[in-house]
Protein backbone atom coordinates (compact mmCIF):
# COMPACT_ATOMS: atom_id res chain seq x y z
CA UNK A 1 -4.36 8.94 38.41
CA UNK A 2 -4.28 8.79 34.29
CA UNK A 3 -5.86 6.05 32.82
CA UNK A 4 -4.09 4.86 29.74
CA UNK A 5 -6.23 2.88 27.05
CA UNK A 6 -4.45 0.34 24.89
CA UNK A 7 -5.65 -1.21 22.02
CA UNK A 8 -4.55 -4.53 20.63
CA UNK A 9 -4.25 -5.42 16.76
CA UNK A 10 -5.73 -8.48 16.00
CA UNK A 11 -3.97 -9.81 13.19
CA UNK A 12 -6.30 -10.80 9.95
CA UNK A 13 -5.26 -13.02 7.29
CA UNK A 14 -5.10 -10.63 4.39
CA UNK A 15 -7.16 -10.96 1.77
CA UNK A 16 -5.84 -11.44 -2.39
CA UNK A 17 -7.53 -7.86 -3.74
CA UNK A 18 -6.34 -6.08 -0.21
CA UNK A 19 -2.87 -6.87 -1.00
CA UNK A 20 -3.05 -5.98 -4.59
CA UNK A 21 -3.88 -2.78 -4.22
CA UNK A 22 -1.52 -2.05 -0.93
CA UNK A 23 1.18 -3.88 -3.93
CA UNK A 24 0.42 -0.82 -6.41
CA UNK A 25 0.37 1.84 -4.13
CA UNK A 26 3.14 0.51 -3.21
CA UNK A 27 5.52 -0.29 -6.43
CA UNK A 28 3.70 3.00 -7.85
CA UNK A 29 5.23 5.82 -5.32
CA UNK A 30 8.96 3.36 -6.12
CA UNK A 31 8.67 1.24 -2.51
CA UNK A 32 10.93 -1.49 -3.24
CA UNK A 33 9.69 -5.35 -2.45
CA UNK A 34 11.50 -5.91 0.78
CA UNK A 35 10.72 -2.55 2.32
CA UNK A 36 6.59 -3.10 1.30
CA UNK A 37 6.85 -6.49 2.48
CA UNK A 38 8.32 -5.52 5.96
CA UNK A 39 5.74 -2.50 5.70
CA UNK A 40 2.54 -4.80 4.81
CA UNK A 41 3.66 -6.95 7.93
CA UNK A 42 4.46 -4.47 10.36
CA UNK A 43 0.54 -3.73 9.72
CA UNK A 44 -1.12 -6.57 9.47
CA UNK A 45 0.26 -9.20 11.99
CA UNK A 46 3.35 -10.29 10.48
CA UNK A 47 2.62 -12.98 7.55
CA UNK A 48 5.60 -12.84 5.70
CA UNK A 49 5.51 -16.01 3.64
CA UNK A 50 2.19 -15.25 2.28
CA UNK A 51 3.01 -11.18 1.88
CA UNK A 52 6.36 -12.19 -0.16
CA UNK A 53 4.78 -15.06 -2.06
CA UNK A 54 1.65 -12.98 -3.55
CA UNK A 55 3.50 -9.72 -3.92
CA UNK A 56 6.49 -10.80 -5.24
CA UNK A 57 4.97 -12.06 -8.94
CA UNK A 58 3.45 -8.58 -8.93
CA UNK A 59 6.41 -6.31 -8.69
CA UNK A 60 8.05 -9.05 -11.21
CA UNK A 61 5.16 -8.50 -13.73
CA UNK A 62 4.99 -4.61 -13.67
CA UNK A 63 8.88 -4.06 -13.67
CA UNK A 64 9.52 -6.49 -16.19
CA UNK A 65 6.91 -5.14 -19.18
CA UNK A 66 8.28 -2.20 -20.58
CA UNK A 67 5.81 -1.23 -22.95
CA UNK A 68 2.93 -1.94 -21.66
CA UNK A 69 0.03 0.57 -20.35
CA UNK A 70 -2.75 0.13 -17.97
CA UNK A 71 -1.29 -2.68 -15.82
CA UNK A 72 -2.73 -1.75 -12.58
CA UNK A 73 -4.21 1.07 -10.84
CA UNK A 74 -3.13 2.91 -7.91
CA UNK A 75 -3.45 5.83 -5.61
CA UNK A 76 -0.53 8.76 -6.32
CA UNK A 77 -0.48 11.04 -3.66
CA UNK A 78 1.17 14.16 -5.25
CA UNK A 79 -1.94 14.32 -8.10
CA UNK A 80 -4.50 13.14 -5.25
CA UNK A 81 -6.21 10.57 -7.51
CA UNK A 82 -5.69 7.39 -9.53
CA UNK A 83 -3.30 6.68 -11.92
CA UNK A 84 -2.20 3.92 -13.99
CA UNK A 85 1.20 1.60 -13.29
CA UNK A 86 2.59 1.55 -16.85
CA UNK A 87 5.89 0.18 -18.73
CA UNK A 88 8.93 1.97 -17.53
CA UNK A 89 8.86 2.71 -21.53
CA UNK A 90 5.72 4.98 -21.07
CA UNK A 91 4.23 7.55 -19.23
CA UNK A 92 4.31 7.59 -15.58
CA UNK A 93 2.10 10.01 -13.80
CA UNK A 94 -1.44 8.97 -15.90
CA UNK A 95 -4.48 9.54 -14.17
CA UNK A 96 -7.10 7.62 -15.04
CA UNK A 97 -10.14 8.97 -17.29
CA UNK A 98 -12.47 10.62 -15.95
CA UNK A 99 -10.36 11.59 -12.97
CA UNK A 100 -11.46 11.32 -9.31
CA UNK A 101 -9.62 13.30 -6.95
CA UNK A 102 -9.90 12.92 -2.93
CA UNK A 103 -9.37 15.54 -1.75
CA UNK A 104 -9.55 14.50 2.33
CA UNK A 105 -7.65 11.50 3.27
CA UNK A 106 -6.36 9.82 5.67
CA UNK A 107 -6.43 8.49 9.55
CA UNK A 108 -8.95 11.02 10.90
CA UNK A 109 -11.25 9.82 7.87
CA UNK A 110 -11.40 6.28 9.43
CA UNK A 111 -13.01 4.45 12.12
CA UNK A 112 -9.82 3.15 12.70
CA UNK A 113 -7.77 6.22 14.49
CA UNK A 114 -6.61 4.30 17.20
CA UNK A 115 -5.21 1.10 15.82
CA UNK A 116 -3.80 2.85 13.14
CA UNK A 117 -1.84 5.12 14.69
CA UNK A 118 -0.50 1.89 16.98
CA UNK A 119 0.61 0.35 13.64
CA UNK A 120 2.28 3.55 12.63
CA UNK A 121 4.32 3.58 15.96
CA UNK A 122 4.90 -0.07 15.66
CA UNK A 123 6.46 0.19 11.83
CA UNK A 124 8.73 3.23 13.30
CA UNK A 125 10.15 1.14 16.09
CA UNK A 126 11.35 -2.15 13.50
CA UNK A 127 15.05 -1.55 13.13
């Protein structure tokens, strides 16, 4: 008889600095606000109203100021480093200097492999 272990994810009220990093990453890789909110909520226990209230002003500010540079940092997967979100009239793929690269990342590099797998599956199952 096989034993199945089920890990339960406990909803934690999201911290503002974490929400900003997630928002910057999502914005930087061109994920729209509604999809970013849905993804964040699927991963963090469905705090939809607060998440949308917090993410929307950042998305609006980053999208509105076309000439501003260095608004916020995010991790750009294609370059494997931290980069800047710049206004649309500026260079979009500007790595931070000095370049700090990350060679390995992902669920297996954390101690939360089971939780991450569970959350990924719950996102995939959302219609």
